[in-house]
Amino acid sequence: MSKNKDTAENIKDTAEKNSDAVKDASVSEKNNTAKKPHKNPFKNKKLRYGGLSILFTVIFIVAVVLVNVVITLIGERFMPVADLTDTGLYSIEQSTIDYLRTIDDEVTITVTSEEAAFTGTNTYYYQTNEILKKIAAENPKITLDYIDVVSNPGSIAEYTETITSDEILVKSKNTNRIKVLTYEDYLSITYNEQYLNYYGVKQIEKVEANAEQAVVSAIMNVTDVDPVKVAVLTGYGETQNAVLENILKTNSYIIESVNITLTDKISTDYDFVFMFGPDRDYSVADINKLDEWLDNGGAFGKNLIYVSNPKLGKSPNLDGLLDQWGLKVEKGVTYQTDEKYTYSNMNTYQVLTVPDTDFSEFTNDMPVHGYNMSAVTSKWEDKNGNGNISIQSILNTYDGAVIKPQDSGDNWKPADDAERKQYSVIMQAVKTRFENNEPISSRIVAVGGMEFLSSAFLQASQVNNSQLIMNIFNVSCDKEAGITLTPKSYEVVTFDINDAQKNTLAIVFVIVLPVALIITGIIIWVRRLHR
């Protein structure tokens, strides 16, 4: 009994001790819990790097979306695209941009087809549409529209012109004039002459881009409140200069052909008369028509541009008209003995010099060339003229030129003692009178050779022949300088690189960039591994 009692008491003591130990452990745990600091979740590495990753991802996505929106908005107006064609097929010239930004008139350019249908026709129409967008993007007053005239004929009811699909209408709000451009206007098409002459069939030989030239010309024409009119004379074997006429039309000149033998007088509506290389002398009656037109009843304000023909024989009547103004086109052509100023090893193909005059401002530093150019001289050596007529040289040879006789052969050489000097090959005579102290003038510009205005020279971007002749026209009638554009070939290389460039690109994209990416990746992986 006593033993049992002792055992029971031992068990009780043990239980009490265990209970006390549990309580002490519980209290200790509570104390430890109370003393343990609270963890900052933002100091957790995983959470911190994960959160930053999410944040950067969100920022990147938002930035990409914003950049796309901005680019889209800018692209609709300013078209920031790269033109990789070697002739700038999808770009417009800086001279065009400068002109477009000066337009104050509201101009509407309307394509008579839906855009998708127009651009989907072929590559030529797609390129034309891109040029139209470039033009409209340069001035907010120029609007580009698309109208399907087949399904919506009422949209063209106001026009008297016959209008069909895939045409371009250019209209001015101020003058209310409209110019209709067909595909043969905005595409420069050359047809095979053999098929055309023998079979009467138009077989396309070459197509060039002409949209910029055609549309800019149309804008100039419809917005010009007082266009300049040019009479191109015929009747004496004159040659048509289609390239020059097209350049003049581009610069909003109105060109009309006039057969001087079939008219009683030259209309005073014309500001210019253009004589391009007559091959026989004018009659006295027709010279009198020119004389009366230049005098304009004493009001002056007329301009005659005479381009001589080296094949013209004796021409006392034409010579007499020029002589009244102090000018003379010498028979024969200038022959340059100084090889520095010859071209293609031809002494009659020369680099020419432009004296400092009102006509000598160019937009580039290209030279002026001439071939078979006759000298133009004046009987007044001091160039001050006689009375109210003054003389001015516009284009000269360099020193070292001589006159090669008209009837000499290809093997002609100048004599050792022949006079070598500088000759004028374009010269003007200006007759002036004053009205209320304001000068009023008429002028004759004599150009010593047709080749100076050949299509080869006028269309070549390496020479300034076209700019000089346009300066002569513009300055003579106080017209603001226009622009000179030529068609662009579709046969272009979009991205042409040589072998060295190919090898460089291959090394960069196949070796350098991949290796750089691998090394960058390893560096990033190692750095993160040791964090």
Protein backbone atom coordinates (compact mmCIF):
# COMPACT_ATOMS: atom_id res chain seq x y z
CA MET A 1 0.00 0.00 0.00
CA SER A 2 2.70 2.34 0.99
CA LYS A 3 4.53 1.44 -2.16
CA ASN A 4 1.54 2.17 -4.32
CA LYS A 5 1.05 5.51 -2.67
CA ASP A 6 4.65 6.48 -3.27
CA THR A 7 4.36 5.48 -6.88
CA ALA A 8 1.22 7.54 -7.36
CA GLU A 9 2.86 10.58 -5.78
CA ASN A 10 5.90 10.15 -8.05
CA ILE A 11 3.64 10.01 -11.08
CA LYS A 12 1.82 13.15 -9.94
CA ASP A 13 5.10 15.01 -9.36
CA THR A 14 6.35 13.95 -12.75
CA ALA A 15 3.10 15.08 -14.42
CA GLU A 16 3.26 18.42 -12.62
CA LYS A 17 6.88 18.84 -13.69
CA ASN A 18 6.01 17.95 -17.27
CA SER A 19 3.10 20.36 -17.19
CA ASP A 20 5.35 23.09 -15.90
CA ALA A 21 7.89 22.27 -18.63
CA VAL A 22 5.16 22.49 -21.30
CA LYS A 23 4.01 25.82 -19.91
CA ASP A 24 7.58 27.11 -19.80
CA ALA A 25 8.13 25.92 -23.39
CA SER A 26 4.88 27.57 -24.49
CA VAL A 27 5.80 30.83 -22.82
CA SER A 28 9.29 30.66 -24.30
CA GLU A 29 7.81 30.05 -27.74
CA LYS A 30 5.45 32.99 -27.34
CA ASN A 31 8.29 35.18 -26.22
CA ASN A 32 10.41 34.06 -29.14
CA THR A 33 7.51 34.69 -31.52
CA ALA A 34 6.98 38.15 -30.09
CA LYS A 35 10.66 38.98 -30.37
CA LYS A 36 11.02 37.68 -34.04
CA PRO A 37 11.05 40.69 -36.44
CA HIS A 38 8.32 41.03 -39.17
CA LYS A 39 9.70 40.25 -42.70
CA ASN A 40 9.41 43.01 -45.45
CA PRO A 41 7.96 41.27 -48.51
CA PHE A 42 9.60 43.86 -50.81
CA LYS A 43 13.03 42.71 -49.60
CA ASN A 44 12.36 39.26 -50.87
CA LYS A 45 14.69 38.65 -53.81
CA LYS A 46 12.27 36.54 -55.78
CA LEU A 47 9.43 38.99 -55.30
CA ARG A 48 11.65 41.98 -56.00
CA TYR A 49 13.17 40.65 -59.25
CA GLY A 50 9.89 39.15 -60.33
CA GLY A 51 8.07 42.44 -59.76
CA LEU A 52 10.70 44.42 -61.65
CA SER A 53 10.52 41.94 -64.49
CA ILE A 54 6.75 42.35 -64.68
CA LEU A 55 7.07 46.13 -64.45
CA PHE A 56 9.64 46.32 -67.24
CA THR A 57 7.56 43.98 -69.37
CA VAL A 58 4.48 46.17 -68.93
CA ILE A 59 6.49 49.33 -69.66
CA PHE A 60 8.00 47.72 -72.77
CA ILE A 61 4.59 46.62 -74.07
CA VAL A 62 3.10 50.07 -73.46
CA ALA A 63 6.12 51.70 -75.15
CA VAL A 64 5.81 49.42 -78.19
CA VAL A 65 2.09 50.21 -78.48
CA LEU A 66 2.74 53.96 -78.16
CA VAL A 67 5.56 53.87 -80.71
CA ASN A 68 3.34 52.01 -83.17
CA VAL A 69 0.53 54.51 -82.67
CA VAL A 70 2.89 57.46 -83.16
CA ILE A 71 4.53 55.91 -86.22
CA THR A 72 1.12 55.17 -87.71
CA LEU A 73 -0.04 58.75 -87.15
CA ILE A 74 3.19 60.20 -88.54
CA GLY A 75 3.19 57.77 -91.43
CA GLU A 76 -0.26 58.84 -92.54
CA ARG A 77 1.01 62.38 -92.98
CA PHE A 78 4.77 62.39 -93.41
CA MET A 79 5.51 58.93 -94.84
CA PRO A 80 8.83 58.23 -93.07
CA VAL A 81 9.94 55.39 -95.32
CA ALA A 82 13.28 54.64 -96.92
CA ASP A 83 13.60 54.69 -100.68
CA LEU A 84 16.36 52.22 -101.59
CA THR A 85 16.01 52.61 -105.37
CA ASP A 86 19.09 54.04 -107.04
CA THR A 87 17.09 56.71 -108.90
CA GLY A 88 14.83 57.73 -106.03
CA LEU A 89 11.83 56.16 -107.73
CA TYR A 90 9.62 56.50 -104.66
CA SER A 91 10.89 59.93 -103.60
CA ILE A 92 10.26 63.47 -104.80
CA GLU A 93 13.00 65.97 -105.57
CA GLN A 94 13.99 68.68 -103.11
CA SER A 95 13.05 71.31 -105.71
CA THR A 96 9.53 69.82 -105.77
CA ILE A 97 9.34 69.91 -101.98
CA ASP A 98 10.45 73.54 -101.90
CA TYR A 99 7.83 74.48 -104.48
CA LEU A 100 4.99 72.55 -102.83
CA ARG A 101 5.59 74.30 -99.53
CA THR A 102 5.03 77.69 -101.18
CA ILE A 103 1.52 76.89 -102.40
CA ASP A 104 -1.18 79.01 -100.73
CA ASP A 105 -3.99 77.82 -102.96
CA GLU A 106 -6.15 74.86 -101.95
CA VAL A 107 -5.41 72.07 -104.39
CA THR A 108 -7.29 68.80 -104.68
CA ILE A 109 -5.70 65.77 -106.32
CA THR A 110 -8.32 63.15 -107.14
CA VAL A 111 -7.63 59.64 -108.38
CA THR A 112 -10.65 58.40 -110.32
CA SER A 113 -10.49 54.91 -108.78
CA GLU A 114 -10.51 53.47 -105.30
CA GLU A 115 -6.99 53.34 -103.89
CA ALA A 116 -6.86 49.54 -103.65
CA ALA A 117 -8.03 49.16 -107.23
CA PHE A 118 -5.60 51.80 -108.48
CA THR A 119 -2.50 50.49 -106.72
CA GLY A 120 -3.39 46.89 -107.48
CA THR A 121 -3.33 47.45 -111.23
CA ASN A 122 0.46 47.14 -111.59
CA THR A 123 3.78 48.37 -110.20
CA TYR A 124 3.63 51.55 -112.27
CA TYR A 125 0.35 52.64 -110.70
CA TYR A 126 1.56 51.70 -107.23
CA GLN A 127 4.63 53.92 -107.68
CA THR A 128 2.43 56.73 -108.99
CA ASN A 129 0.24 56.50 -105.91
CA GLU A 130 3.26 56.67 -103.61
CA ILE A 131 4.39 59.87 -105.35
CA LEU A 132 0.89 61.35 -104.95
CA LYS A 133 1.05 60.64 -101.22
CA LYS A 134 4.49 62.24 -100.98
CA ILE A 135 3.23 65.36 -102.76
CA ALA A 136 0.14 65.68 -100.55
CA ALA A 137 2.22 65.15 -97.41
CA GLU A 138 4.31 68.27 -98.08
CA ASN A 139 1.49 70.79 -97.76
CA PRO A 140 -1.74 70.58 -95.72
CA LYS A 141 -3.50 72.61 -98.43
CA ILE A 142 -3.03 69.76 -100.88
CA THR A 143 -5.67 67.07 -100.51
CA LEU A 144 -5.53 63.58 -102.01
CA ASP A 145 -8.86 61.86 -102.68
CA TYR A 146 -10.00 58.65 -104.36
CA ILE A 147 -13.33 58.33 -106.18
CA ASP A 148 -14.70 55.35 -108.07
CA VAL A 149 -16.21 57.15 -111.06
CA VAL A 150 -17.76 53.96 -112.40
CA SER A 151 -19.99 53.34 -109.39
CA ASN A 152 -20.30 57.05 -108.57
CA PRO A 153 -20.60 58.96 -111.88
CA GLY A 154 -22.26 61.89 -110.14
CA SER A 155 -18.93 62.82 -108.57
CA ILE A 156 -17.63 64.07 -111.93
CA ALA A 157 -20.84 65.62 -113.23
CA GLU A 158 -19.42 69.15 -112.82
CA TYR A 159 -16.60 68.52 -115.28
CA THR A 160 -16.96 69.03 -119.03
CA GLU A 161 -13.92 66.84 -119.73
CA THR A 162 -14.30 63.15 -120.51
CA ILE A 163 -13.10 61.35 -117.41
CA THR A 164 -12.50 57.62 -116.98
CA SER A 165 -10.99 55.33 -114.35
CA ASP A 166 -7.32 55.51 -113.31
CA GLU A 167 -6.97 59.19 -114.19
CA ILE A 168 -5.71 61.97 -111.93
CA LEU A 169 -7.61 65.25 -111.58
CA VAL A 170 -5.77 68.30 -110.26
CA LYS A 171 -8.02 71.23 -109.32
CA SER A 172 -7.40 74.68 -107.84
CA LYS A 173 -9.94 76.27 -105.54
CA ASN A 174 -8.84 79.83 -106.35
CA THR A 175 -8.84 79.62 -110.15
CA ASN A 176 -11.33 76.74 -110.40
CA ARG A 177 -9.18 75.34 -113.22
CA ILE A 178 -8.73 71.61 -113.59
CA LYS A 179 -6.09 69.48 -115.28
CA VAL A 180 -6.87 65.87 -116.24
CA LEU A 181 -3.90 63.51 -116.33
CA THR A 182 -4.22 60.20 -118.15
CA TYR A 183 -1.84 57.26 -117.79
CA GLU A 184 0.14 58.60 -120.77
CA ASP A 185 0.78 61.77 -118.74
CA TYR A 186 1.94 60.26 -115.46
CA LEU A 187 3.75 57.40 -117.22
CA SER A 188 6.34 58.33 -119.84
CA ILE A 189 5.81 55.65 -122.47
CA THR A 190 8.09 55.05 -125.45
CA TYR A 191 6.53 53.05 -128.26
CA ASN A 192 8.37 50.97 -130.83
CA GLU A 193 8.58 53.25 -133.87
CA GLN A 194 8.80 50.37 -136.33
CA TYR A 195 5.49 48.90 -135.23
CA LEU A 196 3.92 52.34 -135.04
CA ASN A 197 5.06 53.45 -138.49
CA TYR A 198 4.59 50.21 -140.39
CA TYR A 199 1.70 48.51 -138.61
CA GLY A 200 -0.01 51.39 -136.84
CA VAL A 201 0.22 49.40 -133.60
CA LYS A 202 1.41 50.90 -130.32
CA GLN A 203 3.87 48.40 -128.89
CA ILE A 204 5.42 49.59 -125.62
CA GLU A 205 9.20 49.67 -125.68
CA LYS A 206 9.94 51.49 -122.43
CA VAL A 207 7.96 52.90 -119.49
CA GLU A 208 9.35 55.56 -117.15
CA ALA A 209 7.93 57.18 -114.03
CA ASN A 210 6.58 60.64 -114.81
CA ALA A 211 4.05 61.20 -112.02
CA GLU A 212 6.07 63.81 -110.15
CA GLN A 213 6.65 65.89 -113.25
CA ALA A 214 3.06 65.56 -114.50
CA VAL A 215 1.37 66.37 -111.18
CA VAL A 216 3.68 69.28 -110.31
CA SER A 217 3.15 70.68 -113.80
CA ALA A 218 -0.61 70.34 -113.35
CA ILE A 219 -0.48 72.10 -109.97
CA MET A 220 1.55 74.95 -111.47
CA ASN A 221 -0.88 75.29 -114.35
CA VAL A 222 -4.10 75.30 -112.36
CA THR A 223 -2.80 77.63 -109.62
CA ASP A 224 -1.09 80.17 -111.91
CA VAL A 225 -3.39 83.20 -112.08
CA ASP A 226 -1.47 84.72 -115.00
CA PRO A 227 0.22 81.98 -117.07
CA VAL A 228 2.89 82.91 -119.61
CA LYS A 229 2.09 82.06 -123.25
CA VAL A 230 4.74 80.92 -125.72
CA ALA A 231 4.27 80.81 -129.50
CA VAL A 232 6.46 78.12 -131.06
CA LEU A 233 6.91 79.21 -134.67
CA THR A 234 6.70 76.90 -137.68
CA GLY A 235 6.73 77.50 -141.42
CA TYR A 236 10.44 77.61 -142.19
CA GLY A 237 11.66 74.13 -141.36
CA GLU A 238 11.83 74.68 -137.62
CA THR A 239 12.33 71.56 -135.53
CA GLN A 240 9.96 70.72 -132.71
CA ASN A 241 11.75 70.49 -129.37
CA ALA A 242 9.35 68.27 -127.44
CA VAL A 243 11.62 67.97 -124.40
CA LEU A 244 11.97 71.74 -123.93
CA GLU A 245 8.25 72.26 -124.54
CA ASN A 246 7.50 69.66 -121.88
CA ILE A 247 9.82 71.39 -119.40
CA LEU A 248 8.08 74.70 -120.11
CA LYS A 249 4.69 73.10 -119.61
CA THR A 250 5.91 71.64 -116.35
CA ASN A 251 6.68 75.18 -115.23
CA SER A 252 3.14 76.36 -116.13
CA TYR A 253 3.97 77.95 -119.48
CA ILE A 254 1.25 77.64 -122.10
CA ILE A 255 2.75 76.37 -125.37
CA GLU A 256 1.03 76.91 -128.72
CA SER A 257 2.27 76.19 -132.23
CA VAL A 258 1.95 79.11 -134.66
CA ASN A 259 2.65 78.88 -138.38
CA ILE A 260 3.87 82.39 -139.06
CA THR A 261 3.26 82.06 -142.80
CA LEU A 262 -0.46 81.47 -142.20
CA THR A 263 -1.20 84.33 -139.82
CA ASP A 264 -1.53 88.04 -140.54
CA LYS A 265 0.12 88.99 -137.25
CA ILE A 266 1.47 87.44 -134.12
CA SER A 267 -1.02 87.85 -131.30
CA THR A 268 -0.02 90.20 -128.51
CA ASP A 269 -1.35 87.55 -126.10
CA TYR A 270 1.99 85.79 -126.47
CA ASP A 271 4.78 86.77 -124.09
CA PHE A 272 7.39 84.72 -125.96
CA VAL A 273 8.09 83.72 -129.52
CA PHE A 274 10.38 80.70 -129.82
CA MET A 275 12.21 79.99 -133.10
CA PHE A 276 14.03 76.66 -132.98
CA GLY A 277 16.45 76.12 -135.85
CA PRO A 278 14.78 77.29 -139.05
CA ASP A 279 16.60 75.75 -142.01
CA ARG A 280 15.79 78.56 -144.46
CA ASP A 281 15.49 82.32 -144.36
CA TYR A 282 12.29 84.11 -143.36
CA SER A 283 10.43 86.30 -145.85
CA VAL A 284 10.51 90.06 -145.44
CA ALA A 285 6.78 90.02 -144.63
CA ASP A 286 7.25 87.54 -141.81
CA ILE A 287 10.26 89.43 -140.44
CA ASN A 288 8.03 92.50 -140.30
CA LYS A 289 5.47 90.50 -138.27
CA LEU A 290 8.20 89.73 -135.73
CA ASP A 291 9.37 93.34 -135.71
CA GLU A 292 5.85 94.65 -135.07
CA TRP A 293 5.22 92.09 -132.37
CA LEU A 294 8.42 92.98 -130.51
CA ASP A 295 7.55 96.68 -130.65
CA ASN A 296 4.02 95.92 -129.39
CA GLY A 297 2.77 99.38 -130.35
CA GLY A 298 5.55 100.94 -128.30
CA ALA A 299 4.52 99.04 -125.17
CA PHE A 300 7.32 96.46 -125.53
CA GLY A 301 7.19 93.58 -122.98
CA LYS A 302 7.90 90.85 -125.58
CA ASN A 303 10.67 88.24 -125.79
CA LEU A 304 12.02 86.47 -128.87
CA ILE A 305 14.32 83.47 -128.41
CA TYR A 306 16.09 82.56 -131.62
CA VAL A 307 18.04 79.27 -131.80
CA SER A 308 20.27 79.13 -134.85
CA ASN A 309 20.67 76.15 -137.15
CA PRO A 310 24.29 75.49 -138.22
CA LYS A 311 22.94 74.14 -141.52
CA LEU A 312 21.21 77.43 -142.32
CA GLY A 313 22.75 78.97 -145.42
CA LYS A 314 22.50 82.60 -146.41
CA SER A 315 19.77 84.33 -144.41
CA PRO A 316 19.85 88.09 -145.06
CA ASN A 317 16.39 88.69 -143.64
CA LEU A 318 16.97 86.91 -140.33
CA ASP A 319 20.43 88.44 -140.15
CA GLY A 320 18.88 91.86 -140.76
CA LEU A 321 16.45 91.47 -137.85
CA LEU A 322 19.27 90.52 -135.50
CA ASP A 323 21.46 93.32 -136.84
CA GLN A 324 18.83 95.92 -135.91
CA TRP A 325 19.32 94.75 -132.33
CA GLY A 326 23.11 94.67 -132.61
CA LEU A 327 23.42 90.85 -132.76
CA LYS A 328 25.00 88.46 -135.23
CA VAL A 329 25.21 84.67 -135.26
CA GLU A 330 28.49 83.81 -136.95
CA LYS A 331 28.64 81.14 -139.62
CA GLY A 332 30.65 78.12 -138.51
CA VAL A 333 31.06 76.77 -134.98
CA THR A 334 33.40 77.43 -132.09
CA TYR A 335 36.38 75.06 -131.85
CA GLN A 336 38.16 74.81 -128.48
CA THR A 337 41.93 74.36 -128.73
CA ASP A 338 42.45 74.09 -124.97
CA GLU A 339 41.91 70.41 -124.14
CA LYS A 340 40.92 71.30 -120.56
CA TYR A 341 37.60 72.57 -121.86
CA THR A 342 36.79 69.90 -124.42
CA TYR A 343 34.70 66.80 -123.80
CA SER A 344 34.91 63.26 -125.20
CA ASN A 345 38.03 64.26 -127.17
CA MET A 346 35.88 66.48 -129.39
CA ASN A 347 36.99 70.08 -129.91
CA THR A 348 33.48 71.25 -130.85
CA TYR A 349 32.00 69.57 -127.73
CA GLN A 350 32.91 72.05 -125.02
CA VAL A 351 32.52 72.84 -121.37
CA LEU A 352 31.18 76.41 -121.29
CA THR A 353 31.33 79.19 -118.73
CA VAL A 354 28.39 81.19 -117.39
CA PRO A 355 29.16 84.86 -116.64
CA ASP A 356 27.62 86.48 -113.58
CA THR A 357 24.23 87.73 -114.78
CA ASP A 358 20.59 87.52 -113.73
CA PHE A 359 20.49 84.17 -115.52
CA SER A 360 23.39 82.51 -113.73
CA GLU A 361 21.77 81.28 -110.50
CA PHE A 362 21.65 77.48 -110.36
CA THR A 363 20.54 75.00 -107.72
CA ASN A 364 23.70 72.88 -108.13
CA ASP A 365 27.31 73.12 -109.25
CA MET A 366 26.94 71.17 -112.48
CA PRO A 367 28.60 72.62 -115.62
CA VAL A 368 26.99 73.77 -118.87
CA HIS A 369 27.95 71.92 -122.04
CA GLY A 370 27.64 72.82 -125.71
CA TYR A 371 28.15 71.03 -129.01
CA ASN A 372 28.56 72.69 -132.42
CA MET A 373 27.87 76.10 -130.90
CA SER A 374 28.21 79.13 -133.19
CA ALA A 375 29.62 82.36 -131.84
CA VAL A 376 27.17 85.19 -131.20
CA THR A 377 28.75 88.61 -131.58
CA SER A 378 27.70 92.24 -131.38
CA LYS A 379 28.58 95.15 -133.62
CA TRP A 380 28.82 97.27 -130.51
CA GLU A 381 32.06 96.23 -128.90
CA ASP A 382 31.50 98.02 -125.60
CA LYS A 383 28.21 96.08 -125.16
CA ASN A 384 26.50 99.31 -124.11
CA GLY A 385 24.52 99.13 -127.29
CA ASN A 386 23.17 102.02 -129.24
CA GLY A 387 20.58 104.34 -127.75
CA ASN A 388 18.02 102.27 -125.90
CA ILE A 389 19.50 98.83 -126.78
CA SER A 390 21.97 97.08 -124.46
CA ILE A 391 23.89 93.86 -125.07
CA GLN A 392 24.74 91.13 -122.56
CA SER A 393 26.55 87.79 -122.85
CA ILE A 394 24.74 84.88 -121.18
CA LEU A 395 27.03 81.95 -122.04
CA ASN A 396 30.64 81.90 -123.24
CA THR A 397 33.37 79.55 -124.33
CA TYR A 398 36.59 79.51 -122.34
CA ASP A 399 39.69 81.21 -123.73
CA GLY A 400 41.34 79.27 -126.52
CA ALA A 401 38.39 79.02 -128.91
CA VAL A 402 38.56 79.68 -132.65
CA ILE A 403 35.91 79.69 -135.37
CA LYS A 404 35.69 76.51 -137.45
CA PRO A 405 34.28 77.41 -140.90
CA GLN A 406 30.86 76.08 -141.78
CA ASP A 407 32.03 74.17 -144.87
CA SER A 408 35.14 72.63 -143.27
CA GLY A 409 35.52 68.89 -142.87
CA ASP A 410 35.90 66.71 -139.78
CA ASN A 411 39.70 66.74 -140.06
CA TRP A 412 39.95 70.54 -139.99
CA LYS A 413 42.63 72.02 -137.75
CA PRO A 414 43.13 75.70 -136.92
CA ALA A 415 46.16 77.51 -138.21
CA ASP A 416 48.93 78.14 -135.73
CA ASP A 417 48.39 81.89 -135.96
CA ALA A 418 44.57 81.73 -135.73
CA GLU A 419 43.13 84.07 -133.10
CA ARG A 420 42.29 82.16 -129.94
CA LYS A 421 39.93 83.87 -127.54
CA GLN A 422 36.67 83.67 -125.63
CA TYR A 423 33.44 83.83 -127.61
CA SER A 424 29.86 84.34 -126.54
CA VAL A 425 27.53 81.55 -127.68
CA ILE A 426 24.34 82.97 -126.12
CA MET A 427 23.76 86.71 -126.10
CA GLN A 428 20.79 88.96 -125.51
CA ALA A 429 19.86 92.40 -126.78
CA VAL A 430 17.41 94.36 -124.65
CA LYS A 431 15.49 97.39 -125.96
CA THR A 432 14.20 99.52 -123.10
CA ARG A 433 12.02 102.56 -122.68
CA PHE A 434 10.80 104.21 -119.51
CA GLU A 435 7.23 104.90 -118.50
CA ASN A 436 6.80 106.89 -115.27
CA ASN A 437 10.43 106.07 -114.51
CA GLU A 438 9.66 102.34 -114.80
CA PRO A 439 11.68 100.42 -117.41
CA ILE A 440 9.72 98.44 -120.00
CA SER A 441 11.70 96.14 -122.27
CA SER A 442 11.57 93.79 -125.21
CA ARG A 443 14.46 91.48 -125.96
CA ILE A 444 15.98 89.06 -128.42
CA VAL A 445 18.03 86.15 -127.07
CA ALA A 446 20.22 84.53 -129.72
CA VAL A 447 21.36 80.96 -128.99
CA GLY A 448 24.25 79.82 -131.20
CA GLY A 449 23.19 76.24 -131.82
CA MET A 450 20.37 73.74 -131.60
CA GLU A 451 22.48 71.06 -129.91
CA PHE A 452 22.64 73.16 -126.75
CA LEU A 453 18.93 72.34 -126.26
CA SER A 454 19.07 68.73 -127.44
CA SER A 455 17.16 66.13 -125.44
CA ALA A 456 20.47 64.59 -124.33
CA PHE A 457 21.55 67.85 -122.67
CA LEU A 458 18.11 68.87 -121.38
CA GLN A 459 17.48 65.51 -119.72
CA ALA A 460 20.97 65.02 -118.30
CA SER A 461 21.28 65.73 -114.59
CA GLN A 462 25.06 66.13 -114.96
CA VAL A 463 24.75 69.47 -116.80
CA ASN A 464 22.86 72.70 -116.20
CA ASN A 465 21.62 73.33 -119.74
CA SER A 466 17.97 72.92 -118.78
CA GLN A 467 18.33 75.22 -115.79
CA LEU A 468 20.01 77.92 -117.87
CA ILE A 469 17.30 77.96 -120.55
CA MET A 470 14.61 78.01 -117.87
CA ASN A 471 16.42 80.90 -116.17
CA ILE A 472 16.32 82.76 -119.50
CA PHE A 473 12.57 82.22 -119.81
CA ASN A 474 11.79 82.96 -116.16
CA VAL A 475 13.95 86.07 -115.77
CA SER A 476 12.82 87.51 -119.11
CA CYS A 477 9.18 87.56 -118.02
CA ASP A 478 9.79 88.16 -114.28
CA LYS A 479 8.45 84.73 -113.48
CA GLU A 480 9.52 83.00 -110.29
CA ALA A 481 12.00 80.21 -110.83
CA GLY A 482 10.28 76.91 -111.46
CA ILE A 483 11.60 73.37 -111.34
CA THR A 484 13.09 71.03 -113.88
CA LEU A 485 12.15 67.35 -113.62
CA THR A 486 12.85 64.37 -115.83
CA PRO A 487 11.21 60.92 -115.90
CA LYS A 488 12.74 58.17 -113.76
CA SER A 489 13.40 54.66 -114.96
CA TYR A 490 11.59 51.70 -113.43
CA GLU A 491 14.55 49.52 -114.34
CA VAL A 492 16.42 50.15 -111.11
CA VAL A 493 18.38 48.14 -108.59
CA THR A 494 16.59 48.42 -105.27
CA PHE A 495 19.59 47.53 -103.09
CA ASP A 496 22.84 47.02 -104.93
CA ILE A 497 25.96 46.03 -102.98
CA ASN A 498 29.38 44.88 -104.09
CA ASP A 499 31.28 41.76 -102.99
CA ALA A 500 33.18 43.56 -100.23
CA GLN A 501 29.92 44.86 -98.78
CA LYS A 502 28.36 41.40 -99.03
CA ASN A 503 31.30 39.86 -97.14
CA THR A 504 31.13 42.55 -94.47
CA LEU A 505 27.41 42.00 -93.96
CA ALA A 506 27.93 38.25 -93.81
CA ILE A 507 30.63 38.57 -91.16
CA VAL A 508 28.55 40.99 -89.10
CA PHE A 509 25.28 39.06 -89.19
CA VAL A 510 26.61 35.48 -89.29
CA ILE A 511 29.56 35.75 -86.90
CA VAL A 512 29.86 39.02 -84.97
CA LEU A 513 26.26 39.47 -83.86
CA PRO A 514 25.65 35.81 -82.86
CA VAL A 515 28.93 35.70 -80.89
CA ALA A 516 28.13 39.00 -79.20
CA LEU A 517 24.67 37.72 -78.21
CA ILE A 518 26.12 34.47 -76.83
CA ILE A 519 28.77 36.29 -74.76
CA THR A 520 26.16 38.75 -73.45
CA GLY A 521 23.89 35.88 -72.49
CA ILE A 522 26.69 34.06 -70.63
CA ILE A 523 27.64 37.21 -68.71
CA ILE A 524 24.04 37.81 -67.65
CA TRP A 525 23.60 34.12 -66.64
CA VAL A 526 26.82 34.11 -64.53
CA ARG A 527 25.91 37.35 -62.77
CA ARG A 528 22.46 36.10 -61.86
CA LEU A 529 23.87 32.78 -60.70
CA HIS A 530 26.07 34.48 -58.08
CA ARG A 531 23.41 36.80 -56.70
